[in-house]
Amino acid sequence: MAQNNDRTHIPNQRQESAAAEPSEPKAPQLAALREWWDAAWDNGGVLHTRWEDLRRAPALGWHGMANWIKAALGLAGICAVIILLDGATDALADAMRRLLTAAPRVEIGADTSNTVFAVVDQPIRTYIAAHTASLPISASTIYTVWQVVGLFGLIGGFLRSSGARLTWTAWGAASIAMVYSTTPADGRAIATGLAALAWTAASALALRGLTLRPSLFIHNAAPGIELRPEIHVSAPAATPAGGAPDNVHPLQKR
């Protein structure tokens, strides 16, 4: 009976032993990982070399640092720019929409001021309002664009930009043409003259430094003269075969 009791099956014992067996191979794997980690941080190892590249990068500068650091920094910069552009697209579009619609709605006869500026501005507003009915954008947007273009031409021309000066010239001619076309016949000459005078006065800033005098460029094609000072010393006359020069004579008494 005692032998039969010793052979009694214990169900949990086999499961515990089976669960403990898979944990034995982990020790060699951890040892191999630790060995690789130690070797990587030794002199000449992969991680040690990369760390030295990072440590010396500030002192070496952009041209002297490792190429993989340049590639990483360039990739990080491109990603940052993409993220900023993606986040700023909506804000920029909303700001542009508000800028283009910032001016009050332009209507015919909306400006009733009696200032000198109104003599030029009122015909332009009337012209824009009368010729934008079939366009997909409002007259106020066109009026704002017209003002922005004029400001760009004035500032850019002051900074000596050739493209901005061309824009300023075309903008002034278009403005004078709009004033001439919309102003009533009895005051057309005065309004056009004031517009031309105002544009000419502002051109003193936009076209500063521009002259109509032809520039003369004189190119001196004369050949270059090179001076080389040299000293020539003549060689002494050769001594005769007799040993004494022929121009030496003994003293004689007379």
C-alpha atoms as a PDB file:
ATOM      1  CA  MET A   1       0.000   0.000   0.000  1.00  0.00           C
ATOM      2  CA  ALA A   2       2.842   2.335   0.751  1.00  0.00           C
ATOM      3  CA  GLN A   3       4.322   1.803  -2.689  1.00  0.00           C
ATOM      4  CA  ASN A   4       1.035   2.577  -4.336  1.00  0.00           C
ATOM      5  CA  ASN A   5       0.742   5.778  -2.322  1.00  0.00           C
ATOM      6  CA  ASP A   6       4.200   6.870  -3.440  1.00  0.00           C
ATOM      7  CA  ARG A   7       3.164   6.638  -7.074  1.00  0.00           C
ATOM      8  CA  THR A   8       0.232   8.952  -6.592  1.00  0.00           C
ATOM      9  CA  HIS A   9       0.050  11.439  -9.472  1.00  0.00           C
ATOM     10  CA  ILE A  10       0.382  15.086  -8.531  1.00  0.00           C
ATOM     11  CA  PRO A  11      -1.043  17.200 -11.444  1.00  0.00           C
ATOM     12  CA  ASN A  12       0.566  20.540 -10.508  1.00  0.00           C
ATOM     13  CA  GLN A  13       4.083  19.144 -10.208  1.00  0.00           C
ATOM     14  CA  ARG A  14       4.456  18.328 -13.937  1.00  0.00           C
ATOM     15  CA  GLN A  15       3.077  21.745 -14.934  1.00  0.00           C
ATOM     16  CA  GLU A  16       5.493  23.563 -12.657  1.00  0.00           C
ATOM     17  CA  SER A  17       8.472  21.656 -14.013  1.00  0.00           C
ATOM     18  CA  ALA A  18       7.330  22.264 -17.602  1.00  0.00           C
ATOM     19  CA  ALA A  19       6.949  25.983 -16.948  1.00  0.00           C
ATOM     20  CA  ALA A  20      10.406  26.206 -15.412  1.00  0.00           C
ATOM     21  CA  GLU A  21      12.210  24.590 -18.356  1.00  0.00           C
ATOM     22  CA  PRO A  22      11.890  27.468 -20.958  1.00  0.00           C
ATOM     23  CA  SER A  23      13.578  29.983 -18.656  1.00  0.00           C
ATOM     24  CA  GLU A  24      16.922  28.174 -18.742  1.00  0.00           C
ATOM     25  CA  PRO A  25      18.074  29.296 -22.298  1.00  0.00           C
ATOM     26  CA  LYS A  26      17.694  32.988 -21.389  1.00  0.00           C
ATOM     27  CA  ALA A  27      21.019  33.107 -19.557  1.00  0.00           C
ATOM     28  CA  PRO A  28      23.216  32.580 -22.671  1.00  0.00           C
ATOM     29  CA  GLN A  29      21.221  35.197 -24.601  1.00  0.00           C
ATOM     30  CA  LEU A  30      21.693  37.793 -21.869  1.00  0.00           C
ATOM     31  CA  ALA A  31      25.377  36.983 -21.682  1.00  0.00           C
ATOM     32  CA  ALA A  32      25.778  37.409 -25.449  1.00  0.00           C
ATOM     33  CA  LEU A  33      23.893  40.732 -25.354  1.00  0.00           C
ATOM     34  CA  ARG A  34      26.042  41.976 -22.502  1.00  0.00           C
ATOM     35  CA  GLU A  35      29.201  40.912 -24.346  1.00  0.00           C
ATOM     36  CA  TRP A  36      28.104  42.796 -27.489  1.00  0.00           C
ATOM     37  CA  TRP A  37      27.266  45.885 -25.414  1.00  0.00           C
ATOM     38  CA  ASP A  38      30.703  45.876 -23.769  1.00  0.00           C
ATOM     39  CA  ALA A  39      32.445  45.372 -27.107  1.00  0.00           C
ATOM     40  CA  ALA A  40      30.459  48.214 -28.723  1.00  0.00           C
ATOM     41  CA  TRP A  41      31.634  50.677 -26.054  1.00  0.00           C
ATOM     42  CA  ASP A  42      35.297  49.647 -26.213  1.00  0.00           C
ATOM     43  CA  ASN A  43      37.797  51.728 -28.197  1.00  0.00           C
ATOM     44  CA  GLY A  44      36.955  51.290 -31.871  1.00  0.00           C
ATOM     45  CA  GLY A  45      33.472  49.914 -31.149  1.00  0.00           C
ATOM     46  CA  VAL A  46      30.357  51.035 -32.980  1.00  0.00           C
ATOM     47  CA  LEU A  47      28.743  52.950 -30.132  1.00  0.00           C
ATOM     48  CA  HIS A  48      32.045  54.379 -28.905  1.00  0.00           C
ATOM     49  CA  THR A  49      32.873  55.706 -32.393  1.00  0.00           C
ATOM     50  CA  ARG A  50      29.443  57.310 -32.774  1.00  0.00           C
ATOM     51  CA  TRP A  51      29.717  58.909 -29.352  1.00  0.00           C
ATOM     52  CA  GLU A  52      33.125  60.350 -30.229  1.00  0.00           C
ATOM     53  CA  ASP A  53      31.651  61.796 -33.450  1.00  0.00           C
ATOM     54  CA  LEU A  54      28.919  63.504 -31.455  1.00  0.00           C
ATOM     55  CA  ARG A  55      31.322  64.781 -28.816  1.00  0.00           C
ATOM     56  CA  ARG A  56      33.706  66.331 -31.366  1.00  0.00           C
ATOM     57  CA  ALA A  57      30.999  67.734 -33.658  1.00  0.00           C
ATOM     58  CA  PRO A  58      30.692  71.177 -31.948  1.00  0.00           C
ATOM     59  CA  ALA A  59      34.447  71.738 -32.146  1.00  0.00           C
ATOM     60  CA  LEU A  60      34.830  70.498 -35.733  1.00  0.00           C
ATOM     61  CA  GLY A  61      31.933  72.542 -37.116  1.00  0.00           C
ATOM     62  CA  TRP A  62      29.692  71.722 -40.049  1.00  0.00           C
ATOM     63  CA  HIS A  63      32.500  70.941 -42.506  1.00  0.00           C
ATOM     64  CA  GLY A  64      34.483  68.746 -40.142  1.00  0.00           C
ATOM     65  CA  MET A  65      31.754  66.704 -38.443  1.00  0.00           C
ATOM     66  CA  ALA A  66      30.860  63.181 -39.508  1.00  0.00           C
ATOM     67  CA  ASN A  67      28.678  62.706 -42.570  1.00  0.00           C
ATOM     68  CA  TRP A  68      26.035  60.704 -40.716  1.00  0.00           C
ATOM     69  CA  ILE A  69      25.531  63.649 -38.320  1.00  0.00           C
ATOM     70  CA  LYS A  70      25.061  65.998 -41.298  1.00  0.00           C
ATOM     71  CA  ALA A  71      22.520  63.630 -42.808  1.00  0.00           C
ATOM     72  CA  ALA A  72      20.625  63.347 -39.515  1.00  0.00           C
ATOM     73  CA  LEU A  73      20.556  67.120 -38.990  1.00  0.00           C
ATOM     74  CA  GLY A  74      19.438  67.730 -42.589  1.00  0.00           C
ATOM     75  CA  LEU A  75      16.652  65.162 -42.300  1.00  0.00           C
ATOM     76  CA  ALA A  76      15.521  66.665 -38.988  1.00  0.00           C
ATOM     77  CA  GLY A  77      15.475  70.157 -40.526  1.00  0.00           C
ATOM     78  CA  ILE A  78      13.416  68.992 -43.510  1.00  0.00           C
ATOM     79  CA  CYS A  79      10.915  67.274 -41.216  1.00  0.00           C
ATOM     80  CA  ALA A  80      10.642  70.409 -39.065  1.00  0.00           C
ATOM     81  CA  VAL A  81       9.998  72.589 -42.127  1.00  0.00           C
ATOM     82  CA  ILE A  82       7.334  70.194 -43.409  1.00  0.00           C
ATOM     83  CA  ILE A  83       5.596  70.192 -40.027  1.00  0.00           C
ATOM     84  CA  LEU A  84       5.697  73.990 -39.801  1.00  0.00           C
ATOM     85  CA  LEU A  85       4.383  74.433 -43.339  1.00  0.00           C
ATOM     86  CA  ASP A  86       1.611  71.943 -42.741  1.00  0.00           C
ATOM     87  CA  GLY A  87       0.546  73.753 -39.593  1.00  0.00           C
ATOM     88  CA  ALA A  88       0.897  77.241 -41.068  1.00  0.00           C
ATOM     89  CA  THR A  89      -0.992  76.610 -44.313  1.00  0.00           C
ATOM     90  CA  ASP A  90      -4.428  77.192 -42.845  1.00  0.00           C
ATOM     91  CA  ALA A  91      -3.308  80.197 -40.819  1.00  0.00           C
ATOM     92  CA  LEU A  92      -1.585  81.757 -43.846  1.00  0.00           C
ATOM     93  CA  ALA A  93      -4.604  81.202 -46.074  1.00  0.00           C
ATOM     94  CA  ASP A  94      -6.892  82.769 -43.483  1.00  0.00           C
ATOM     95  CA  ALA A  95      -4.556  85.751 -43.065  1.00  0.00           C
ATOM     96  CA  MET A  96      -4.419  86.309 -46.830  1.00  0.00           C
ATOM     97  CA  ARG A  97      -8.200  86.144 -47.069  1.00  0.00           C
ATOM     98  CA  ARG A  98      -8.565  88.723 -44.313  1.00  0.00           C
ATOM     99  CA  LEU A  99      -5.943  90.943 -45.931  1.00  0.00           C
ATOM    100  CA  LEU A 100      -7.638  90.887 -49.319  1.00  0.00           C
ATOM    101  CA  THR A 101     -11.028  91.684 -47.819  1.00  0.00           C
ATOM    102  CA  ALA A 102      -9.771  94.251 -45.302  1.00  0.00           C
ATOM    103  CA  ALA A 103     -10.907  97.257 -47.337  1.00  0.00           C
ATOM    104  CA  PRO A 104     -14.556  98.268 -47.141  1.00  0.00           C
ATOM    105  CA  ARG A 105     -16.800  97.155 -49.962  1.00  0.00           C
ATOM    106  CA  VAL A 106     -16.258  99.351 -52.996  1.00  0.00           C
ATOM    107  CA  GLU A 107     -19.374 100.834 -54.539  1.00  0.00           C
ATOM    108  CA  ILE A 108     -19.974 103.551 -57.066  1.00  0.00           C
ATOM    109  CA  GLY A 109     -20.112 106.882 -55.267  1.00  0.00           C
ATOM    110  CA  ALA A 110     -19.271 105.323 -51.896  1.00  0.00           C
ATOM    111  CA  ASP A 111     -16.538 107.872 -51.155  1.00  0.00           C
ATOM    112  CA  THR A 112     -18.109 111.277 -50.563  1.00  0.00           C
ATOM    113  CA  SER A 113     -15.039 113.045 -49.169  1.00  0.00           C
ATOM    114  CA  ASN A 114     -13.929 116.306 -50.730  1.00  0.00           C
ATOM    115  CA  THR A 115     -10.171 116.028 -50.172  1.00  0.00           C
ATOM    116  CA  VAL A 116      -7.527 116.251 -52.858  1.00  0.00           C
ATOM    117  CA  PHE A 117      -6.885 112.509 -52.527  1.00  0.00           C
ATOM    118  CA  ALA A 118     -10.536 111.824 -53.369  1.00  0.00           C
ATOM    119  CA  VAL A 119     -10.046 113.466 -56.777  1.00  0.00           C
ATOM    120  CA  VAL A 120      -7.775 110.547 -57.690  1.00  0.00           C
ATOM    121  CA  ASP A 121      -9.183 107.792 -55.464  1.00  0.00           C
ATOM    122  CA  GLN A 122     -12.886 108.234 -56.239  1.00  0.00           C
ATOM    123  CA  PRO A 123     -12.554 107.634 -60.030  1.00  0.00           C
ATOM    124  CA  ILE A 124     -10.429 104.536 -59.370  1.00  0.00           C
ATOM    125  CA  ARG A 125     -12.981 103.113 -56.920  1.00  0.00           C
ATOM    126  CA  THR A 126     -15.781 103.836 -59.371  1.00  0.00           C
ATOM    127  CA  TYR A 127     -13.915 102.203 -62.255  1.00  0.00           C
ATOM    128  CA  ILE A 128     -13.174  99.061 -60.227  1.00  0.00           C
ATOM    129  CA  ALA A 129     -16.756  98.762 -58.996  1.00  0.00           C
ATOM    130  CA  ALA A 130     -18.163  99.174 -62.522  1.00  0.00           C
ATOM    131  CA  HIS A 131     -15.892  96.559 -64.147  1.00  0.00           C
ATOM    132  CA  THR A 132     -15.852  93.746 -61.567  1.00  0.00           C
ATOM    133  CA  ALA A 133     -19.505  92.693 -61.642  1.00  0.00           C
ATOM    134  CA  SER A 134     -18.794  89.579 -63.729  1.00  0.00           C
ATOM    135  CA  LEU A 135     -15.645  88.534 -61.849  1.00  0.00           C
ATOM    136  CA  PRO A 136     -15.657  85.746 -59.229  1.00  0.00           C
ATOM    137  CA  ILE A 137     -14.126  88.085 -56.614  1.00  0.00           C
ATOM    138  CA  SER A 138     -15.545  91.213 -55.089  1.00  0.00           C
ATOM    139  CA  ALA A 139     -14.642  94.779 -55.959  1.00  0.00           C
ATOM    140  CA  SER A 140     -13.231  95.337 -52.467  1.00  0.00           C
ATOM    141  CA  THR A 141     -10.714  92.556 -53.063  1.00  0.00           C
ATOM    142  CA  ILE A 142      -9.597  94.115 -56.352  1.00  0.00           C
ATOM    143  CA  TYR A 143      -9.284  97.506 -54.653  1.00  0.00           C
ATOM    144  CA  THR A 144      -7.125  95.989 -51.891  1.00  0.00           C
ATOM    145  CA  VAL A 145      -4.918  94.225 -54.434  1.00  0.00           C
ATOM    146  CA  TRP A 146      -4.502  97.515 -56.313  1.00  0.00           C
ATOM    147  CA  GLN A 147      -3.339  99.230 -53.117  1.00  0.00           C
ATOM    148  CA  VAL A 148      -0.962  96.398 -52.181  1.00  0.00           C
ATOM    149  CA  VAL A 149       0.615  96.391 -55.652  1.00  0.00           C
ATOM    150  CA  GLY A 150       1.191 100.137 -55.499  1.00  0.00           C
ATOM    151  CA  LEU A 151       2.775  99.850 -52.056  1.00  0.00           C
ATOM    152  CA  PHE A 152       4.998  97.023 -53.270  1.00  0.00           C
ATOM    153  CA  GLY A 153       6.168  99.051 -56.260  1.00  0.00           C
ATOM    154  CA  LEU A 154       6.919 102.088 -54.088  1.00  0.00           C
ATOM    155  CA  ILE A 155       8.894 100.226 -51.426  1.00  0.00           C
ATOM    156  CA  GLY A 156      10.636  97.893 -53.865  1.00  0.00           C
ATOM    157  CA  GLY A 157      11.562 100.769 -56.149  1.00  0.00           C
ATOM    158  CA  PHE A 158      13.006 102.671 -53.197  1.00  0.00           C
ATOM    159  CA  LEU A 159      15.183  99.603 -52.543  1.00  0.00           C
ATOM    160  CA  ARG A 160      16.399  99.757 -56.182  1.00  0.00           C
ATOM    161  CA  SER A 161      14.606  96.624 -57.378  1.00  0.00           C
ATOM    162  CA  SER A 162      14.213  96.609 -61.176  1.00  0.00           C
ATOM    163  CA  GLY A 163      11.101  94.418 -61.091  1.00  0.00           C
ATOM    164  CA  ALA A 164       9.441  96.650 -58.502  1.00  0.00           C
ATOM    165  CA  ARG A 165      10.205  99.734 -60.594  1.00  0.00           C
ATOM    166  CA  LEU A 166       8.571  98.153 -63.637  1.00  0.00           C
ATOM    167  CA  THR A 167       5.563  97.309 -61.463  1.00  0.00           C
ATOM    168  CA  TRP A 168       5.432 100.873 -60.183  1.00  0.00           C
ATOM    169  CA  THR A 169       5.506 102.263 -63.727  1.00  0.00           C
ATOM    170  CA  ALA A 170       2.699  99.968 -64.928  1.00  0.00           C
ATOM    171  CA  TRP A 171       0.660 100.674 -61.779  1.00  0.00           C
ATOM    172  CA  GLY A 172       0.948 104.429 -62.246  1.00  0.00           C
ATOM    173  CA  ALA A 173      -0.010 104.272 -65.922  1.00  0.00           C
ATOM    174  CA  ALA A 174      -3.038 102.083 -65.115  1.00  0.00           C
ATOM    175  CA  SER A 175      -4.131 104.428 -62.316  1.00  0.00           C
ATOM    176  CA  ILE A 176      -3.928 107.494 -64.545  1.00  0.00           C
ATOM    177  CA  ALA A 177      -5.873 105.666 -67.258  1.00  0.00           C
ATOM    178  CA  MET A 178      -8.633 104.741 -64.775  1.00  0.00           C
ATOM    179  CA  VAL A 179      -8.873 108.338 -63.566  1.00  0.00           C
ATOM    180  CA  TYR A 180      -9.087 109.629 -67.136  1.00  0.00           C
ATOM    181  CA  SER A 181     -11.735 107.066 -68.113  1.00  0.00           C
ATOM    182  CA  THR A 182     -14.095 107.578 -65.155  1.00  0.00           C
ATOM    183  CA  THR A 183     -13.866 111.298 -64.365  1.00  0.00           C
ATOM    184  CA  PRO A 184     -16.632 113.421 -65.976  1.00  0.00           C
ATOM    185  CA  ALA A 185     -15.621 115.432 -69.029  1.00  0.00           C
ATOM    186  CA  ASP A 186     -15.741 118.820 -67.312  1.00  0.00           C
ATOM    187  CA  GLY A 187     -13.138 117.852 -64.682  1.00  0.00           C
ATOM    188  CA  ARG A 188     -11.259 115.157 -66.579  1.00  0.00           C
ATOM    189  CA  ALA A 189      -8.209 117.252 -67.395  1.00  0.00           C
ATOM    190  CA  ILE A 190      -7.770 118.488 -63.810  1.00  0.00           C
ATOM    191  CA  ALA A 191      -8.216 115.020 -62.271  1.00  0.00           C
ATOM    192  CA  THR A 192      -5.835 113.397 -64.761  1.00  0.00           C
ATOM    193  CA  GLY A 193      -3.244 116.109 -64.197  1.00  0.00           C
ATOM    194  CA  LEU A 194      -3.441 115.715 -60.413  1.00  0.00           C
ATOM    195  CA  ALA A 195      -3.080 111.926 -60.753  1.00  0.00           C
ATOM    196  CA  ALA A 196      -0.032 112.357 -62.990  1.00  0.00           C
ATOM    197  CA  LEU A 197       1.530 114.885 -60.613  1.00  0.00           C
ATOM    198  CA  ALA A 198       0.910 112.662 -57.575  1.00  0.00           C
ATOM    199  CA  TRP A 199       2.421 109.647 -59.323  1.00  0.00           C
ATOM    200  CA  THR A 200       5.411 111.705 -60.502  1.00  0.00           C
ATOM    201  CA  ALA A 201       6.054 113.042 -57.006  1.00  0.00           C
ATOM    202  CA  ALA A 202       5.934 109.531 -55.538  1.00  0.00           C
ATOM    203  CA  SER A 203       8.268 108.352 -58.299  1.00  0.00           C
ATOM    204  CA  ALA A 204      11.008 110.479 -56.747  1.00  0.00           C
ATOM    205  CA  LEU A 205      11.186 107.778 -54.075  1.00  0.00           C
ATOM    206  CA  ALA A 206      10.358 104.750 -56.177  1.00  0.00           C
ATOM    207  CA  LEU A 207      12.807 105.627 -58.966  1.00  0.00           C
ATOM    208  CA  ARG A 208      15.564 107.181 -56.888  1.00  0.00           C
ATOM    209  CA  GLY A 209      19.011 106.834 -58.383  1.00  0.00           C
ATOM    210  CA  LEU A 210      17.644 106.168 -61.864  1.00  0.00           C
ATOM    211  CA  THR A 211      19.193 108.425 -64.494  1.00  0.00           C
ATOM    212  CA  LEU A 212      18.584 108.891 -68.205  1.00  0.00           C
ATOM    213  CA  ARG A 213      22.182 109.818 -68.948  1.00  0.00           C
ATOM    214  CA  PRO A 214      24.001 107.180 -70.973  1.00  0.00           C
ATOM    215  CA  SER A 215      26.828 105.511 -69.170  1.00  0.00           C
ATOM    216  CA  LEU A 216      30.197 105.538 -70.938  1.00  0.00           C
ATOM    217  CA  PHE A 217      32.537 102.653 -70.344  1.00  0.00           C
ATOM    218  CA  ILE A 218      36.052 103.292 -71.730  1.00  0.00           C
ATOM    219  CA  HIS A 219      38.146 100.204 -72.191  1.00  0.00           C
ATOM    220  CA  ASN A 220      41.877 100.774 -72.487  1.00  0.00           C
ATOM    221  CA  ALA A 221      43.095  98.259 -75.027  1.00  0.00           C
ATOM    222  CA  ALA A 222      46.725  99.460 -75.024  1.00  0.00           C
ATOM    223  CA  PRO A 223      49.159  96.569 -74.737  1.00  0.00           C
ATOM    224  CA  GLY A 224      50.903  96.243 -71.422  1.00  0.00           C
ATOM    225  CA  ILE A 225      54.538  97.280 -71.265  1.00  0.00           C
ATOM    226  CA  GLU A 226      56.757  95.154 -69.072  1.00  0.00           C
ATOM    227  CA  LEU A 227      59.992  96.644 -67.804  1.00  0.00           C
ATOM    228  CA  ARG A 228      62.882  94.335 -66.914  1.00  0.00           C
ATOM    229  CA  PRO A 229      66.002  96.201 -65.757  1.00  0.00           C
ATOM    230  CA  GLU A 230      69.182  94.339 -66.679  1.00  0.00           C
ATOM    231  CA  ILE A 231      72.900  95.167 -66.205  1.00  0.00           C
ATOM    232  CA  HIS A 232      75.347  93.950 -68.880  1.00  0.00           C
ATOM    233  CA  VAL A 233      79.056  93.806 -67.972  1.00  0.00           C
ATOM    234  CA  SER A 234      81.473  93.328 -70.873  1.00  0.00           C
ATOM    235  CA  ALA A 235      84.058  90.580 -70.523  1.00  0.00           C
ATOM    236  CA  PRO A 236      87.760  91.646 -70.164  1.00  0.00           C
ATOM    237  CA  ALA A 237      90.045  91.341 -73.202  1.00  0.00           C
ATOM    238  CA  ALA A 238      91.937  88.103 -73.593  1.00  0.00           C
ATOM    239  CA  THR A 239      95.639  88.034 -72.568  1.00  0.00           C
ATOM    240  CA  PRO A 240      98.127  87.503 -75.452  1.00  0.00           C
ATOM    241  CA  ALA A 241     100.030  84.251 -75.711  1.00  0.00           C
ATOM    242  CA  GLY A 242     103.321  85.857 -74.582  1.00  0.00           C
ATOM    243  CA  GLY A 243     102.026  86.462 -71.152  1.00  0.00           C
ATOM    244  CA  ALA A 244     102.063  90.314 -71.209  1.00  0.00           C
ATOM    245  CA  PRO A 245      99.381  92.544 -72.613  1.00  0.00           C
ATOM    246  CA  ASP A 246     100.264  94.371 -75.861  1.00  0.00           C
ATOM    247  CA  ASN A 247      99.346  97.788 -74.464  1.00  0.00           C
ATOM    248  CA  VAL A 248     102.096  97.832 -71.797  1.00  0.00           C
ATOM    249  CA  HIS A 249     105.597  99.172 -72.803  1.00  0.00           C
ATOM    250  CA  PRO A 250     108.755  99.556 -70.685  1.00  0.00           C
ATOM    251  CA  LEU A 251     109.999 103.009 -69.719  1.00  0.00           C
ATOM    252  CA  GLN A 252     112.735 104.358 -71.953  1.00  0.00           C
ATOM    253  CA  LYS A 253     115.184 107.242 -71.266  1.00  0.00           C
ATOM    254  CA  ARG A 254     115.682 109.888 -73.859  1.00  0.00           C
END
